[in-house]
Amino acid sequence: MIKTDGLLGLEFEHGVNDCYSLMRRFYAMNFGIDVPDLARPDSWWDKDAHGKSLNLYLDHYAWAGFGLVHGRPQDWLPGDVILMAIRSEVANHGAILLPRGQILHHFLGALSQIEPYSRPLWRDTTVAVLRHPQVDGTKFLQETEIDAMELVPQRIRDMIEDARQGTLDV
């Protein structure tokens, strides 16, 4: 079973309590893996005066012990890291895939939390998926059933429920 004790509801503080530090603590707690720390200057994903930005995640994933996952989302496993480029040309946010299409992440200005990966902000900005070779995410697939409706955006689920109840306004 995946553990999240002490990982949820943390205040965001870049370089201390951010998506990378959450990932480091998650891997240590769940798999005994020490993901090395990485210096993260403020706004490293923004372009500098020369039009360059740092690509910290994709330039350092192998150094941190991860490999790229090639394939479709159906091939992703709990424990994989999903990288996103949110309002940036480089991957600047990371989340850990959990069972049932959920992600554990810590977004800038928010508390660390678990929420559906199906949210367009996460799904539509994904640029890469990483996997650590010592993590066997298949064991977490056996613990749970996947409810396909959890992968459907909330707006569509609401419309389906309205249609079921006969209150859909078209």
C-alpha atoms as a PDB file:
ATOM      1  CA  MET A   1       0.000   0.000   0.000  1.00  0.00           C
ATOM      2  CA  ILE A   2       1.259   3.467  -0.893  1.00  0.00           C
ATOM      3  CA  LYS A   3       1.990   5.691   2.109  1.00  0.00           C
ATOM      4  CA  THR A   4       1.311   9.429   2.144  1.00  0.00           C
ATOM      5  CA  ASP A   5       1.558  10.093   5.904  1.00  0.00           C
ATOM      6  CA  GLY A   6       2.998  13.566   6.442  1.00  0.00           C
ATOM      7  CA  LEU A   7       3.012  14.379   2.718  1.00  0.00           C
ATOM      8  CA  LEU A   8      -0.403  16.021   2.379  1.00  0.00           C
ATOM      9  CA  GLY A   9      -1.462  19.548   3.262  1.00  0.00           C
ATOM     10  CA  LEU A  10       2.049  21.037   3.318  1.00  0.00           C
ATOM     11  CA  GLU A  11       2.487  24.744   2.570  1.00  0.00           C
ATOM     12  CA  PHE A  12       4.420  25.437  -0.630  1.00  0.00           C
ATOM     13  CA  GLU A  13       7.930  26.810  -0.225  1.00  0.00           C
ATOM     14  CA  HIS A  14      10.135  26.618  -3.302  1.00  0.00           C
ATOM     15  CA  GLY A  15      13.218  24.481  -2.725  1.00  0.00           C
ATOM     16  CA  VAL A  16      11.913  23.242   0.648  1.00  0.00           C
ATOM     17  CA  ASN A  17       8.313  22.068   0.190  1.00  0.00           C
ATOM     18  CA  ASP A  18       7.764  21.863  -3.553  1.00  0.00           C
ATOM     19  CA  CYS A  19       6.967  19.147  -6.087  1.00  0.00           C
ATOM     20  CA  TYR A  20      10.571  17.889  -6.223  1.00  0.00           C
ATOM     21  CA  SER A  21      10.985  17.692  -2.446  1.00  0.00           C
ATOM     22  CA  LEU A  22       7.605  15.916  -2.205  1.00  0.00           C
ATOM     23  CA  MET A  23       8.801  13.361  -4.744  1.00  0.00           C
ATOM     24  CA  ARG A  24      12.040  12.845  -2.788  1.00  0.00           C
ATOM     25  CA  ARG A  25      10.140  12.220   0.466  1.00  0.00           C
ATOM     26  CA  PHE A  26       7.610   9.941  -1.284  1.00  0.00           C
ATOM     27  CA  TYR A  27      10.351   7.724  -2.763  1.00  0.00           C
ATOM     28  CA  ALA A  28      12.223   7.544   0.554  1.00  0.00           C
ATOM     29  CA  MET A  29       9.059   6.670   2.507  1.00  0.00           C
ATOM     30  CA  ASN A  30       7.594   4.148   0.076  1.00  0.00           C
ATOM     31  CA  PHE A  31      10.620   2.548  -1.561  1.00  0.00           C
ATOM     32  CA  GLY A  32      13.659   3.404   0.579  1.00  0.00           C
ATOM     33  CA  ILE A  33      15.150   5.282  -2.382  1.00  0.00           C
ATOM     34  CA  ASP A  34      17.253   8.373  -1.694  1.00  0.00           C
ATOM     35  CA  VAL A  35      16.567  10.679  -4.643  1.00  0.00           C
ATOM     36  CA  PRO A  36      19.386  13.239  -4.622  1.00  0.00           C
ATOM     37  CA  ASP A  37      18.517  16.853  -3.932  1.00  0.00           C
ATOM     38  CA  LEU A  38      18.856  19.312  -6.766  1.00  0.00           C
ATOM     39  CA  ALA A  39      19.487  23.041  -6.386  1.00  0.00           C
ATOM     40  CA  ARG A  40      16.460  24.876  -7.739  1.00  0.00           C
ATOM     41  CA  PRO A  41      16.853  28.631  -8.160  1.00  0.00           C
ATOM     42  CA  ASP A  42      13.634  30.642  -8.078  1.00  0.00           C
ATOM     43  CA  SER A  43      11.792  30.710 -11.422  1.00  0.00           C
ATOM     44  CA  TRP A  44      14.385  28.427 -13.033  1.00  0.00           C
ATOM     45  CA  TRP A  45      11.837  27.534 -15.721  1.00  0.00           C
ATOM     46  CA  ASP A  46      11.466  31.150 -16.934  1.00  0.00           C
ATOM     47  CA  LYS A  47      13.670  32.487 -19.709  1.00  0.00           C
ATOM     48  CA  ASP A  48      16.572  34.673 -18.647  1.00  0.00           C
ATOM     49  CA  ALA A  49      17.805  37.833 -20.406  1.00  0.00           C
ATOM     50  CA  HIS A  50      19.412  35.621 -23.068  1.00  0.00           C
ATOM     51  CA  GLY A  51      16.199  33.703 -23.749  1.00  0.00           C
ATOM     52  CA  LYS A  52      17.402  30.573 -21.966  1.00  0.00           C
ATOM     53  CA  SER A  53      15.702  28.626 -19.196  1.00  0.00           C
ATOM     54  CA  LEU A  54      16.909  25.708 -17.137  1.00  0.00           C
ATOM     55  CA  ASN A  55      15.421  22.307 -17.915  1.00  0.00           C
ATOM     56  CA  LEU A  56      16.177  20.811 -14.502  1.00  0.00           C
ATOM     57  CA  TYR A  57      13.899  17.777 -14.657  1.00  0.00           C
ATOM     58  CA  LEU A  58      14.783  16.541 -18.128  1.00  0.00           C
ATOM     59  CA  ASP A  59      18.477  17.397 -17.852  1.00  0.00           C
ATOM     60  CA  HIS A  60      18.898  15.539 -14.535  1.00  0.00           C
ATOM     61  CA  TYR A  61      16.449  12.595 -14.426  1.00  0.00           C
ATOM     62  CA  ALA A  62      19.119   9.998 -15.313  1.00  0.00           C
ATOM     63  CA  TRP A  63      21.487  11.488 -12.713  1.00  0.00           C
ATOM     64  CA  ALA A  64      18.700  11.051 -10.137  1.00  0.00           C
ATOM     65  CA  GLY A  65      18.316   7.382 -11.104  1.00  0.00           C
ATOM     66  CA  PHE A  66      15.215   7.555 -13.329  1.00  0.00           C
ATOM     67  CA  GLY A  67      14.559   6.486 -16.891  1.00  0.00           C
ATOM     68  CA  LEU A  68      12.051   7.709 -19.453  1.00  0.00           C
ATOM     69  CA  VAL A  69       8.883   5.679 -19.891  1.00  0.00           C
ATOM     70  CA  HIS A  70       8.069   5.153 -23.551  1.00  0.00           C
ATOM     71  CA  GLY A  71       4.543   4.218 -24.433  1.00  0.00           C
ATOM     72  CA  ARG A  72       0.973   5.234 -23.860  1.00  0.00           C
ATOM     73  CA  PRO A  73      -0.693   6.338 -20.634  1.00  0.00           C
ATOM     74  CA  GLN A  74      -2.021   2.771 -20.260  1.00  0.00           C
ATOM     75  CA  ASP A  75       1.616   1.708 -19.771  1.00  0.00           C
ATOM     76  CA  TRP A  76       2.206   4.088 -16.872  1.00  0.00           C
ATOM     77  CA  LEU A  77       2.296   2.576 -13.393  1.00  0.00           C
ATOM     78  CA  PRO A  78       1.735   3.853  -9.867  1.00  0.00           C
ATOM     79  CA  GLY A  79       5.016   5.298  -8.641  1.00  0.00           C
ATOM     80  CA  ASP A  80       5.898   6.811 -12.025  1.00  0.00           C
ATOM     81  CA  VAL A  81       6.684  10.530 -12.089  1.00  0.00           C
ATOM     82  CA  ILE A  82       4.671  12.632 -14.508  1.00  0.00           C
ATOM     83  CA  LEU A  83       6.429  15.796 -15.702  1.00  0.00           C
ATOM     84  CA  MET A  84       4.454  18.792 -16.913  1.00  0.00           C
ATOM     85  CA  ALA A  85       5.335  22.090 -18.585  1.00  0.00           C
ATOM     86  CA  ILE A  86       2.853  24.551 -17.121  1.00  0.00           C
ATOM     87  CA  ARG A  87       3.033  28.000 -18.714  1.00  0.00           C
ATOM     88  CA  SER A  88       6.614  27.145 -19.620  1.00  0.00           C
ATOM     89  CA  GLU A  89       8.598  25.649 -22.469  1.00  0.00           C
ATOM     90  CA  VAL A  90      10.313  23.226 -20.071  1.00  0.00           C
ATOM     91  CA  ALA A  91       9.015  20.662 -17.586  1.00  0.00           C
ATOM     92  CA  ASN A  92       8.527  22.638 -14.381  1.00  0.00           C
ATOM     93  CA  HIS A  93       6.137  20.488 -12.340  1.00  0.00           C
ATOM     94  CA  GLY A  94       6.231  16.865 -11.274  1.00  0.00           C
ATOM     95  CA  ALA A  95       3.619  14.549  -9.802  1.00  0.00           C
ATOM     96  CA  ILE A  96       3.649  10.934  -8.666  1.00  0.00           C
ATOM     97  CA  LEU A  97       1.096   8.670 -10.275  1.00  0.00           C
ATOM     98  CA  LEU A  98      -1.029   6.795  -7.743  1.00  0.00           C
ATOM     99  CA  PRO A  99      -3.583   4.018  -8.299  1.00  0.00           C
ATOM    100  CA  ARG A 100      -6.944   4.863  -9.872  1.00  0.00           C
ATOM    101  CA  GLY A 101      -5.612   7.727 -12.002  1.00  0.00           C
ATOM    102  CA  GLN A 102      -4.773   9.954  -9.032  1.00  0.00           C
ATOM    103  CA  ILE A 103      -1.624  12.045  -8.617  1.00  0.00           C
ATOM    104  CA  LEU A 104       0.246  13.247  -5.564  1.00  0.00           C
ATOM    105  CA  HIS A 105       1.794  16.639  -6.166  1.00  0.00           C
ATOM    106  CA  HIS A 106       2.680  20.034  -4.746  1.00  0.00           C
ATOM    107  CA  PHE A 107       1.840  22.899  -7.065  1.00  0.00           C
ATOM    108  CA  LEU A 108       3.166  26.431  -6.714  1.00  0.00           C
ATOM    109  CA  GLY A 109       1.040  28.384  -4.222  1.00  0.00           C
ATOM    110  CA  ALA A 110      -1.056  25.383  -3.134  1.00  0.00           C
ATOM    111  CA  LEU A 111      -0.986  22.725  -0.430  1.00  0.00           C
ATOM    112  CA  SER A 112       0.414  19.313  -1.327  1.00  0.00           C
ATOM    113  CA  GLN A 113      -2.493  17.099  -2.324  1.00  0.00           C
ATOM    114  CA  ILE A 114      -3.917  14.126  -4.181  1.00  0.00           C
ATOM    115  CA  GLU A 115      -6.270  14.769  -7.085  1.00  0.00           C
ATOM    116  CA  PRO A 116      -7.282  13.219 -10.420  1.00  0.00           C
ATOM    117  CA  TYR A 117      -4.701  13.277 -13.194  1.00  0.00           C
ATOM    118  CA  SER A 118      -7.596  13.722 -15.633  1.00  0.00           C
ATOM    119  CA  ARG A 119      -7.754  17.435 -14.806  1.00  0.00           C
ATOM    120  CA  PRO A 120      -6.802  19.187 -18.088  1.00  0.00           C
ATOM    121  CA  LEU A 121      -4.162  21.364 -16.419  1.00  0.00           C
ATOM    122  CA  TRP A 122      -2.188  18.216 -15.593  1.00  0.00           C
ATOM    123  CA  ARG A 123      -3.128  15.915 -18.469  1.00  0.00           C
ATOM    124  CA  ASP A 124      -2.706  18.467 -21.266  1.00  0.00           C
ATOM    125  CA  THR A 125       0.680  19.773 -20.104  1.00  0.00           C
ATOM    126  CA  THR A 126       2.397  16.400 -19.642  1.00  0.00           C
ATOM    127  CA  VAL A 127       5.738  16.238 -21.453  1.00  0.00           C
ATOM    128  CA  ALA A 128       7.379  13.102 -20.028  1.00  0.00           C
ATOM    129  CA  VAL A 129       6.965  10.204 -17.621  1.00  0.00           C
ATOM    130  CA  LEU A 130       9.822   8.829 -15.534  1.00  0.00           C
ATOM    131  CA  ARG A 131      10.250   5.516 -13.743  1.00  0.00           C
ATOM    132  CA  HIS A 132      12.813   4.427 -11.190  1.00  0.00           C
ATOM    133  CA  PRO A 133      14.168   0.932 -11.945  1.00  0.00           C
ATOM    134  CA  GLN A 134      13.791  -0.153  -8.299  1.00  0.00           C
ATOM    135  CA  VAL A 135      10.043   0.624  -8.250  1.00  0.00           C
ATOM    136  CA  ASP A 136       7.610  -2.091  -9.312  1.00  0.00           C
ATOM    137  CA  GLY A 137       4.359  -0.225  -9.809  1.00  0.00           C
ATOM    138  CA  THR A 138       2.556  -3.393 -10.934  1.00  0.00           C
ATOM    139  CA  LYS A 139       2.166  -4.490  -7.301  1.00  0.00           C
ATOM    140  CA  PHE A 140      -0.038  -1.449  -6.681  1.00  0.00           C
ATOM    141  CA  LEU A 141      -2.291  -2.328  -9.611  1.00  0.00           C
ATOM    142  CA  GLN A 142      -3.263  -5.559  -7.878  1.00  0.00           C
ATOM    143  CA  GLU A 143      -4.462  -3.667  -4.791  1.00  0.00           C
ATOM    144  CA  THR A 144      -7.237  -1.720  -6.469  1.00  0.00           C
ATOM    145  CA  GLU A 145      -9.783  -1.640  -9.232  1.00  0.00           C
ATOM    146  CA  ILE A 146      -9.869   1.325 -11.560  1.00  0.00           C
ATOM    147  CA  ASP A 147     -13.149   3.188 -11.912  1.00  0.00           C
ATOM    148  CA  ALA A 148     -13.035   4.612 -15.438  1.00  0.00           C
ATOM    149  CA  MET A 149     -15.348   7.463 -14.415  1.00  0.00           C
ATOM    150  CA  GLU A 150     -12.558   8.854 -12.221  1.00  0.00           C
ATOM    151  CA  LEU A 151     -10.586   9.501 -15.409  1.00  0.00           C
ATOM    152  CA  VAL A 152     -13.418  11.556 -16.917  1.00  0.00           C
ATOM    153  CA  PRO A 153     -13.266  15.320 -16.230  1.00  0.00           C
ATOM    154  CA  GLN A 154     -15.661  16.498 -13.514  1.00  0.00           C
ATOM    155  CA  ARG A 155     -17.616  18.704 -15.935  1.00  0.00           C
ATOM    156  CA  ILE A 156     -18.447  15.665 -18.096  1.00  0.00           C
ATOM    157  CA  ARG A 157     -19.294  13.534 -15.040  1.00  0.00           C
ATOM    158  CA  ASP A 158     -21.723  16.252 -13.927  1.00  0.00           C
ATOM    159  CA  MET A 159     -23.371  16.253 -17.352  1.00  0.00           C
ATOM    160  CA  ILE A 160     -23.723  12.455 -17.282  1.00  0.00           C
ATOM    161  CA  GLU A 161     -25.298  12.613 -13.828  1.00  0.00           C
ATOM    162  CA  ASP A 162     -27.698  15.352 -14.979  1.00  0.00           C
ATOM    163  CA  ALA A 163     -28.659  13.203 -17.967  1.00  0.00           C
ATOM    164  CA  ARG A 164     -29.295  10.214 -15.685  1.00  0.00           C
ATOM    165  CA  GLN A 165     -31.570  12.311 -13.500  1.00  0.00           C
ATOM    166  CA  GLY A 166     -33.317  13.892 -16.477  1.00  0.00           C
ATOM    167  CA  THR A 167     -32.189  17.406 -15.543  1.00  0.00           C
ATOM    168  CA  LEU A 168     -29.744  17.985 -18.426  1.00  0.00           C
ATOM    169  CA  ASP A 169     -30.438  21.372 -19.975  1.00  0.00           C
ATOM    170  CA  VAL A 170     -29.583  21.290 -23.682  1.00  0.00           C
END
